[in-house]
C-alpha cells in the first residue's frame, strides 16, 4: 500500500513541477493538497503499524510537496517550512 501511494504521489509531484513555476503559492498549496495530501490522508489509519522505513518514505512525500509548494531547494531544512504550511512533520 505505501509503495503504491509513494509511487503515485511522486509521479504527480513530477508532473506538477513542470507547471508550478507559473502558479502562485496559494494555488500550488491547494492543488498539492487535492492531488497528493489527500492520497496520504486516505490511508492514514493504515500507516500506524508500518515500519520506520515506510514512515520515512511517507515523510519524504510530504517534504517534497512542501518544497514544491514553497520553491525550496532540495538540500535545505524543511521542518520550519512544514510548520508554516501547518503540516505536522
PDB file of N, CA and C in Angstrom:
ATOM      1  N   UNK A   1       0.822  -1.194   0.000  1.00  0.00           N
ATOM      2  CA  UNK A   1       0.000   0.000   0.000  1.00  0.00           C
ATOM      3  C   UNK A   1       0.868   1.261   0.000  1.00  0.00           C
ATOM      4  N   UNK A   2       1.842   1.324   0.880  1.00  0.00           N
ATOM      5  CA  UNK A   2       2.703   2.502   0.969  1.00  0.00           C
ATOM      6  C   UNK A   2       3.512   2.679  -0.312  1.00  0.00           C
ATOM      7  N   UNK A   3       3.980   1.592  -0.884  1.00  0.00           N
ATOM      8  CA  UNK A   3       4.752   1.690  -2.125  1.00  0.00           C
ATOM      9  C   UNK A   3       3.907   2.249  -3.259  1.00  0.00           C
ATOM     10  N   UNK A   4       2.663   1.819  -3.354  1.00  0.00           N
ATOM     11  CA  UNK A   4       1.775   2.308  -4.414  1.00  0.00           C
ATOM     12  C   UNK A   4       1.459   3.787  -4.220  1.00  0.00           C
ATOM     13  N   UNK A   5       1.177   4.182  -2.987  1.00  0.00           N
ATOM     14  CA  UNK A   5       0.885   5.588  -2.691  1.00  0.00           C
ATOM     15  C   UNK A   5       2.115   6.442  -2.959  1.00  0.00           C
ATOM     16  N   UNK A   6       3.261   5.963  -2.529  1.00  0.00           N
ATOM     17  CA  UNK A   6       4.506   6.702  -2.734  1.00  0.00           C
ATOM     18  C   UNK A   6       4.784   6.908  -4.218  1.00  0.00           C
ATOM     19  N   UNK A   7       4.647   5.871  -4.983  1.00  0.00           N
ATOM     20  CA  UNK A   7       4.900   5.959  -6.418  1.00  0.00           C
ATOM     21  C   UNK A   7       3.948   6.931  -7.103  1.00  0.00           C
ATOM     22  N   UNK A   8       2.661   6.836  -6.789  1.00  0.00           N
ATOM     23  CA  UNK A   8       1.697   7.730  -7.439  1.00  0.00           C
ATOM     24  C   UNK A   8       1.898   9.181  -7.012  1.00  0.00           C
ATOM     25  N   UNK A   9       2.209   9.407  -5.744  1.00  0.00           N
ATOM     26  CA  UNK A   9       2.424  10.779  -5.265  1.00  0.00           C
ATOM     27  C   UNK A   9       3.656  11.406  -5.911  1.00  0.00           C
ATOM     28  N   UNK A  10       4.743  10.658  -6.000  1.00  0.00           N
ATOM     29  CA  UNK A  10       5.945  11.209  -6.625  1.00  0.00           C
ATOM     30  C   UNK A  10       5.742  11.459  -8.117  1.00  0.00           C
ATOM     31  N   UNK A  11       4.957  10.608  -8.773  1.00  0.00           N
ATOM     32  CA  UNK A  11       4.641  10.857 -10.182  1.00  0.00           C
ATOM     33  C   UNK A  11       3.834  12.139 -10.350  1.00  0.00           C
ATOM     34  N   UNK A  12       2.884  12.358  -9.465  1.00  0.00           N
ATOM     35  CA  UNK A  12       2.085  13.589  -9.509  1.00  0.00           C
ATOM     36  C   UNK A  12       2.974  14.798  -9.264  1.00  0.00           C
ATOM     37  N   UNK A  13       3.860  14.714  -8.278  1.00  0.00           N
ATOM     38  CA  UNK A  13       4.760  15.830  -7.981  1.00  0.00           C
ATOM     39  C   UNK A  13       5.676  16.139  -9.161  1.00  0.00           C
ATOM     40  N   UNK A  14       6.141  15.100  -9.856  1.00  0.00           N
ATOM     41  CA  UNK A  14       6.972  15.320 -11.041  1.00  0.00           C
ATOM     42  C   UNK A  14       6.210  16.073 -12.124  1.00  0.00           C
ATOM     43  N   UNK A  15       4.952  15.709 -12.323  1.00  0.00           N
ATOM     44  CA  UNK A  15       4.146  16.402 -13.336  1.00  0.00           C
ATOM     45  C   UNK A  15       3.858  17.846 -12.930  1.00  0.00           C
ATOM     46  N   UNK A  16       3.570  18.048 -11.642  1.00  0.00           N
ATOM     47  CA  UNK A  16       3.252  19.396 -11.165  1.00  0.00           C
ATOM     48  C   UNK A  16       4.457  20.324 -11.233  1.00  0.00           C
ATOM     49  N   UNK A  17       5.638  19.776 -11.050  1.00  0.00           N
ATOM     50  CA  UNK A  17       6.857  20.591 -11.076  1.00  0.00           C
ATOM     51  C   UNK A  17       6.996  21.344 -12.402  1.00  0.00           C
ATOM     52  N   UNK A  18       6.530  20.747 -13.476  1.00  0.00           N
ATOM     53  CA  UNK A  18       6.653  21.357 -14.799  1.00  0.00           C
ATOM     54  C   UNK A  18       5.812  22.615 -14.950  1.00  0.00           C
ATOM     55  N   UNK A  19       4.688  22.693 -14.233  1.00  0.00           N
ATOM     56  CA  UNK A  19       3.791  23.848 -14.405  1.00  0.00           C
ATOM     57  C   UNK A  19       3.806  24.804 -13.220  1.00  0.00           C
ATOM     58  N   UNK A  20       4.371  24.394 -12.090  1.00  0.00           N
ATOM     59  CA  UNK A  20       4.256  25.199 -10.874  1.00  0.00           C
ATOM     60  C   UNK A  20       5.047  26.496 -10.896  1.00  0.00           C
ATOM     61  N   UNK A  21       6.021  26.630 -11.746  1.00  0.00           N
ATOM     62  CA  UNK A  21       6.800  27.874 -11.714  1.00  0.00           C
ATOM     63  C   UNK A  21       5.965  29.078 -12.139  1.00  0.00           C
ATOM     64  N   UNK A  22       4.847  28.848 -12.805  1.00  0.00           N
ATOM     65  CA  UNK A  22       3.986  29.947 -13.253  1.00  0.00           C
ATOM     66  C   UNK A  22       2.732  30.103 -12.399  1.00  0.00           C
ATOM     67  N   UNK A  23       2.631  29.342 -11.314  1.00  0.00           N
ATOM     68  CA  UNK A  23       1.421  29.344 -10.485  1.00  0.00           C
ATOM     69  C   UNK A  23       1.739  29.962  -9.127  1.00  0.00           C
ATOM     70  N   UNK A  24       0.831  30.814  -8.592  1.00  0.00           N
ATOM     71  CA  UNK A  24       1.048  31.416  -7.266  1.00  0.00           C
ATOM     72  C   UNK A  24       1.092  30.360  -6.152  1.00  0.00           C
ATOM     73  N   UNK A  25       1.717  30.723  -5.044  1.00  0.00           N
ATOM     74  CA  UNK A  25       1.938  29.790  -3.937  1.00  0.00           C
ATOM     75  C   UNK A  25       0.640  29.223  -3.372  1.00  0.00           C
ATOM     76  N   UNK A  26      -0.369  30.059  -3.179  1.00  0.00           N
ATOM     77  CA  UNK A  26      -1.632  29.567  -2.613  1.00  0.00           C
ATOM     78  C   UNK A  26      -2.286  28.542  -3.530  1.00  0.00           C
ATOM     79  N   UNK A  27      -2.203  28.766  -4.816  1.00  0.00           N
ATOM     80  CA  UNK A  27      -2.764  27.807  -5.773  1.00  0.00           C
ATOM     81  C   UNK A  27      -1.960  26.518  -5.762  1.00  0.00           C
ATOM     82  N   UNK A  28      -0.645  26.637  -5.630  1.00  0.00           N
ATOM     83  CA  UNK A  28       0.211  25.450  -5.521  1.00  0.00           C
ATOM     84  C   UNK A  28      -0.209  24.607  -4.325  1.00  0.00           C
ATOM     85  N   UNK A  29      -0.446  25.293  -3.202  1.00  0.00           N
ATOM     86  CA  UNK A  29      -0.824  24.589  -1.980  1.00  0.00           C
ATOM     87  C   UNK A  29      -2.150  23.860  -2.164  1.00  0.00           C
ATOM     88  N   UNK A  30      -3.118  24.527  -2.770  1.00  0.00           N
ATOM     89  CA  UNK A  30      -4.432  23.923  -2.977  1.00  0.00           C
ATOM     90  C   UNK A  30      -4.351  22.704  -3.887  1.00  0.00           C
ATOM     91  N   UNK A  31      -3.630  22.837  -4.985  1.00  0.00           N
ATOM     92  CA  UNK A  31      -3.509  21.731  -5.941  1.00  0.00           C
ATOM     93  C   UNK A  31      -2.771  20.554  -5.306  1.00  0.00           C
ATOM     94  N   UNK A  32      -1.710  20.836  -4.568  1.00  0.00           N
ATOM     95  CA  UNK A  32      -0.944  19.765  -3.930  1.00  0.00           C
ATOM     96  C   UNK A  32      -1.772  19.060  -2.870  1.00  0.00           C
ATOM     97  N   UNK A  33      -2.541  19.813  -2.103  1.00  0.00           N
ATOM     98  CA  UNK A  33      -3.389  19.184  -1.096  1.00  0.00           C
ATOM     99  C   UNK A  33      -4.465  18.321  -1.744  1.00  0.00           C
ATOM    100  N   UNK A  34      -4.984  18.768  -2.877  1.00  0.00           N
ATOM    101  CA  UNK A  34      -6.024  17.996  -3.557  1.00  0.00           C
ATOM    102  C   UNK A  34      -5.477  16.712  -4.170  1.00  0.00           C
ATOM    103  N   UNK A  35      -4.289  16.779  -4.752  1.00  0.00           N
ATOM    104  CA  UNK A  35      -3.779  15.634  -5.505  1.00  0.00           C
ATOM    105  C   UNK A  35      -2.822  14.733  -4.732  1.00  0.00           C
ATOM    106  N   UNK A  36      -2.082  15.286  -3.782  1.00  0.00           N
ATOM    107  CA  UNK A  36      -1.062  14.491  -3.088  1.00  0.00           C
ATOM    108  C   UNK A  36      -1.450  14.227  -1.635  1.00  0.00           C
ATOM    109  N   UNK A  37      -1.708  15.281  -0.884  1.00  0.00           N
ATOM    110  CA  UNK A  37      -2.006  15.122   0.540  1.00  0.00           C
ATOM    111  C   UNK A  37      -3.265  14.295   0.765  1.00  0.00           C
ATOM    112  N   UNK A  38      -4.235  14.427  -0.124  1.00  0.00           N
ATOM    113  CA  UNK A  38      -5.462  13.638   0.010  1.00  0.00           C
ATOM    114  C   UNK A  38      -5.166  12.141  -0.096  1.00  0.00           C
ATOM    115  N   UNK A  39      -4.203  11.762  -0.937  1.00  0.00           N
ATOM    116  CA  UNK A  39      -3.818  10.352  -1.054  1.00  0.00           C
ATOM    117  C   UNK A  39      -3.148   9.857   0.226  1.00  0.00           C
ATOM    118  N   UNK A  40      -2.353  10.718   0.852  1.00  0.00           N
ATOM    119  CA  UNK A  40      -1.713  10.332   2.109  1.00  0.00           C
ATOM    120  C   UNK A  40      -2.751  10.214   3.221  1.00  0.00           C
ATOM    121  N   UNK A  41      -3.701  11.127   3.251  1.00  0.00           N
ATOM    122  CA  UNK A  41      -4.714  11.125   4.303  1.00  0.00           C
ATOM    123  C   UNK A  41      -5.703   9.971   4.165  1.00  0.00           C
ATOM    124  N   UNK A  42      -5.937   9.522   2.933  1.00  0.00           N
ATOM    125  CA  UNK A  42      -6.918   8.466   2.691  1.00  0.00           C
ATOM    126  C   UNK A  42      -6.562   7.188   3.456  1.00  0.00           C
ATOM    127  N   UNK A  43      -5.321   6.803   3.450  1.00  0.00           N
ATOM    128  CA  UNK A  43      -4.904   5.582   4.134  1.00  0.00           C
ATOM    129  C   UNK A  43      -4.233   5.843   5.464  1.00  0.00           C
ATOM    130  N   UNK A  44      -4.525   6.961   6.068  1.00  0.00           N
ATOM    131  CA  UNK A  44      -3.846   7.403   7.284  1.00  0.00           C
ATOM    132  C   UNK A  44      -3.900   6.369   8.409  1.00  0.00           C
ATOM    133  N   UNK A  45      -5.033   5.730   8.608  1.00  0.00           N
ATOM    134  CA  UNK A  45      -5.148   4.773   9.709  1.00  0.00           C
ATOM    135  C   UNK A  45      -4.335   3.506   9.453  1.00  0.00           C
ATOM    136  N   UNK A  46      -4.073   3.203   8.196  1.00  0.00           N
ATOM    137  CA  UNK A  46      -3.288   2.005   7.880  1.00  0.00           C
ATOM    138  C   UNK A  46      -1.804   2.191   8.165  1.00  0.00           C
ATOM    139  N   UNK A  47      -1.356   3.430   8.245  1.00  0.00           N
ATOM    140  CA  UNK A  47       0.068   3.710   8.385  1.00  0.00           C
ATOM    141  C   UNK A  47       0.563   3.627   9.824  1.00  0.00           C
ATOM    142  N   UNK A  48      -0.311   3.424  10.787  1.00  0.00           N
ATOM    143  CA  UNK A  48       0.121   3.436  12.185  1.00  0.00           C
ATOM    144  C   UNK A  48       1.020   2.255  12.532  1.00  0.00           C
ATOM    145  N   UNK A  49       0.838   1.117  11.905  1.00  0.00           N
ATOM    146  CA  UNK A  49       1.641  -0.052  12.238  1.00  0.00           C
ATOM    147  C   UNK A  49       2.784  -0.307  11.275  1.00  0.00           C
ATOM    148  N   UNK A  50       3.147   0.676  10.488  1.00  0.00           N
ATOM    149  CA  UNK A  50       4.191   0.467   9.484  1.00  0.00           C
ATOM    150  C   UNK A  50       5.586   0.588  10.090  1.00  0.00           C
ATOM    151  N   UNK A  51       6.552   0.133   9.342  1.00  0.00           N
ATOM    152  CA  UNK A  51       7.938   0.204   9.798  1.00  0.00           C
ATOM    153  C   UNK A  51       8.458   1.638   9.685  1.00  0.00           C
ATOM    154  N   UNK A  52       9.576   1.881  10.325  1.00  0.00           N
ATOM    155  CA  UNK A  52      10.201   3.203  10.281  1.00  0.00           C
ATOM    156  C   UNK A  52      10.596   3.551   8.849  1.00  0.00           C
ATOM    157  N   UNK A  53      11.046   2.563   8.099  1.00  0.00           N
ATOM    158  CA  UNK A  53      11.449   2.785   6.712  1.00  0.00           C
ATOM    159  C   UNK A  53      10.273   3.304   5.874  1.00  0.00           C
ATOM    160  N   UNK A  54       9.106   2.698   6.041  1.00  0.00           N
ATOM    161  CA  UNK A  54       7.931   3.138   5.286  1.00  0.00           C
ATOM    162  C   UNK A  54       7.436   4.504   5.759  1.00  0.00           C
ATOM    163  N   UNK A  55       7.551   4.768   7.058  1.00  0.00           N
ATOM    164  CA  UNK A  55       7.168   6.082   7.573  1.00  0.00           C
ATOM    165  C   UNK A  55       8.075   7.168   7.013  1.00  0.00           C
ATOM    166  N   UNK A  56       9.356   6.868   6.873  1.00  0.00           N
ATOM    167  CA  UNK A  56      10.288   7.838   6.286  1.00  0.00           C
ATOM    168  C   UNK A  56       9.952   8.097   4.827  1.00  0.00           C
ATOM    169  N   UNK A  57       9.502   7.069   4.125  1.00  0.00           N
ATOM    170  CA  UNK A  57       9.108   7.244   2.728  1.00  0.00           C
ATOM    171  C   UNK A  57       7.900   8.185   2.627  1.00  0.00           C
ATOM    172  N   UNK A  58       6.937   8.021   3.525  1.00  0.00           N
ATOM    173  CA  UNK A  58       5.773   8.914   3.539  1.00  0.00           C
ATOM    174  C   UNK A  58       6.186  10.338   3.903  1.00  0.00           C
ATOM    175  N   UNK A  59       7.132  10.473   4.820  1.00  0.00           N
ATOM    176  CA  UNK A  59       7.630  11.791   5.202  1.00  0.00           C
ATOM    177  C   UNK A  59       8.339  12.458   4.029  1.00  0.00           C
ATOM    178  N   UNK A  60       9.042  11.682   3.225  1.00  0.00           N
ATOM    179  CA  UNK A  60       9.707  12.237   2.039  1.00  0.00           C
ATOM    180  C   UNK A  60       8.694  12.817   1.056  1.00  0.00           C
ATOM    181  N   UNK A  61       7.532  12.186   0.950  1.00  0.00           N
ATOM    182  CA  UNK A  61       6.480  12.715   0.073  1.00  0.00           C
ATOM    183  C   UNK A  61       6.016  14.067   0.589  1.00  0.00           C
ATOM    184  N   UNK A  62       5.790  14.143   1.896  1.00  0.00           N
ATOM    185  CA  UNK A  62       5.344  15.406   2.485  1.00  0.00           C
ATOM    186  C   UNK A  62       6.415  16.484   2.327  1.00  0.00           C
ATOM    187  N   UNK A  63       7.666  16.136   2.537  1.00  0.00           N
ATOM    188  CA  UNK A  63       8.757  17.102   2.384  1.00  0.00           C
ATOM    189  C   UNK A  63       8.872  17.580   0.943  1.00  0.00           C
ATOM    190  N   UNK A  64       8.771  16.653   0.003  1.00  0.00           N
ATOM    191  CA  UNK A  64       8.855  17.023  -1.415  1.00  0.00           C
ATOM    192  C   UNK A  64       7.690  17.923  -1.809  1.00  0.00           C
ATOM    193  N   UNK A  65       6.519  17.664  -1.252  1.00  0.00           N
ATOM    194  CA  UNK A  65       5.355  18.509  -1.529  1.00  0.00           C
ATOM    195  C   UNK A  65       5.577  19.924  -1.012  1.00  0.00           C
ATOM    196  N   UNK A  66       6.100  20.040   0.203  1.00  0.00           N
ATOM    197  CA  UNK A  66       6.361  21.362   0.779  1.00  0.00           C
ATOM    198  C   UNK A  66       7.420  22.105  -0.026  1.00  0.00           C
ATOM    199  N   UNK A  67       8.455  21.401  -0.450  1.00  0.00           N
ATOM    200  CA  UNK A  67       9.498  22.040  -1.260  1.00  0.00           C
ATOM    201  C   UNK A  67       8.947  22.543  -2.586  1.00  0.00           C
ATOM    202  N   UNK A  68       8.048  21.780  -3.170  1.00  0.00           N
ATOM    203  CA  UNK A  68       7.456  22.178  -4.440  1.00  0.00           C
ATOM    204  C   UNK A  68       6.541  23.385  -4.262  1.00  0.00           C
ATOM    205  N   UNK A  69       5.750  23.386  -3.205  1.00  0.00           N
ATOM    206  CA  UNK A  69       4.824  24.494  -2.959  1.00  0.00           C
ATOM    207  C   UNK A  69       5.581  25.791  -2.714  1.00  0.00           C
ATOM    208  N   UNK A  70       6.585  25.737  -1.842  1.00  0.00           N
ATOM    209  CA  UNK A  70       7.286  26.944  -1.414  1.00  0.00           C
ATOM    210  C   UNK A  70       8.545  27.239  -2.225  1.00  0.00           C
ATOM    211  N   UNK A  71       8.841  26.403  -3.203  1.00  0.00           N
ATOM    212  CA  UNK A  71      10.012  26.566  -4.070  1.00  0.00           C
ATOM    213  C   UNK A  71      11.304  26.624  -3.248  1.00  0.00           C
ATOM    214  N   UNK A  72      11.491  25.595  -2.434  1.00  0.00           N
ATOM    215  CA  UNK A  72      12.641  25.486  -1.539  1.00  0.00           C
ATOM    216  C   UNK A  72      13.665  24.548  -2.175  1.00  0.00           C
ATOM    217  N   UNK A  73      14.960  24.888  -2.119  1.00  0.00           N
ATOM    218  CA  UNK A  73      15.984  23.987  -2.657  1.00  0.00           C
ATOM    219  C   UNK A  73      15.962  22.625  -1.956  1.00  0.00           C
ATOM    220  N   UNK A  74      16.391  21.617  -2.657  1.00  0.00           N
ATOM    221  CA  UNK A  74      16.289  20.242  -2.186  1.00  0.00           C
ATOM    222  C   UNK A  74      17.040  19.972  -0.880  1.00  0.00           C
ATOM    223  N   UNK A  75      18.187  20.574  -0.671  1.00  0.00           N
ATOM    224  CA  UNK A  75      19.004  20.242   0.496  1.00  0.00           C
ATOM    225  C   UNK A  75      18.850  21.220   1.658  1.00  0.00           C
ATOM    226  N   UNK A  76      17.874  22.107   1.624  1.00  0.00           N
ATOM    227  CA  UNK A  76      17.671  22.997   2.765  1.00  0.00           C
ATOM    228  C   UNK A  76      16.715  22.355   3.775  1.00  0.00           C
ATOM    229  N   UNK A  77      16.773  22.860   4.997  1.00  0.00           N
ATOM    230  CA  UNK A  77      15.945  22.317   6.073  1.00  0.00           C
ATOM    231  C   UNK A  77      14.474  22.586   5.779  1.00  0.00           C
ATOM    232  N   UNK A  78      13.629  21.639   6.162  1.00  0.00           N
ATOM    233  CA  UNK A  78      12.225  21.710   5.776  1.00  0.00           C
ATOM    234  C   UNK A  78      11.272  21.831   6.965  1.00  0.00           C
ATOM    235  N   UNK A  79      11.706  21.483   8.181  1.00  0.00           N
ATOM    236  CA  UNK A  79      10.779  21.404   9.310  1.00  0.00           C
ATOM    237  C   UNK A  79      10.106  22.744   9.615  1.00  0.00           C
ATOM    238  N   UNK A  80      10.832  23.832   9.533  1.00  0.00           N
ATOM    239  CA  UNK A  80      10.220  25.143   9.767  1.00  0.00           C
ATOM    240  C   UNK A  80       9.183  25.484   8.712  1.00  0.00           C
ATOM    241  N   UNK A  81       9.441  25.069   7.493  1.00  0.00           N
ATOM    242  CA  UNK A  81       8.504  25.331   6.403  1.00  0.00           C
ATOM    243  C   UNK A  81       7.248  24.475   6.535  1.00  0.00           C
ATOM    244  N   UNK A  82       7.396  23.268   7.076  1.00  0.00           N
ATOM    245  CA  UNK A  82       6.219  22.432   7.321  1.00  0.00           C
ATOM    246  C   UNK A  82       5.305  23.095   8.339  1.00  0.00           C
ATOM    247  N   UNK A  83       5.912  23.727   9.349  1.00  0.00           N
ATOM    248  CA  UNK A  83       5.105  24.451  10.339  1.00  0.00           C
ATOM    249  C   UNK A  83       4.410  25.647   9.699  1.00  0.00           C
ATOM    250  N   UNK A  84       5.088  26.326   8.775  1.00  0.00           N
ATOM    251  CA  UNK A  84       4.472  27.455   8.074  1.00  0.00           C
ATOM    252  C   UNK A  84       3.244  27.021   7.280  1.00  0.00           C
ATOM    253  N   UNK A  85       3.290  25.810   6.748  1.00  0.00           N
ATOM    254  CA  UNK A  85       2.155  25.277   5.991  1.00  0.00           C
ATOM    255  C   UNK A  85       1.098  24.652   6.904  1.00  0.00           C
ATOM    256  N   UNK A  86       1.379  24.618   8.218  1.00  0.00           N
ATOM    257  CA  UNK A  86       0.512  23.992   9.222  1.00  0.00           C
ATOM    258  C   UNK A  86       0.398  22.490   8.988  1.00  0.00           C
ATOM    259  N   UNK A  87       1.507  21.874   8.572  1.00  0.00           N
ATOM    260  CA  UNK A  87       1.580  20.432   8.390  1.00  0.00           C
ATOM    261  C   UNK A  87       2.424  19.858   9.514  1.00  0.00           C
ATOM    262  N   UNK A  88       2.051  18.708  10.007  1.00  0.00           N
ATOM    263  CA  UNK A  88       2.845  18.059  11.046  1.00  0.00           C
ATOM    264  C   UNK A  88       4.077  17.413  10.426  1.00  0.00           C
ATOM    265  N   UNK A  89       5.259  17.622  11.028  1.00  0.00           N
ATOM    266  CA  UNK A  89       6.472  16.980  10.492  1.00  0.00           C
ATOM    267  C   UNK A  89       6.508  15.495  10.806  1.00  0.00           C
TER     268      UNK A  89
END
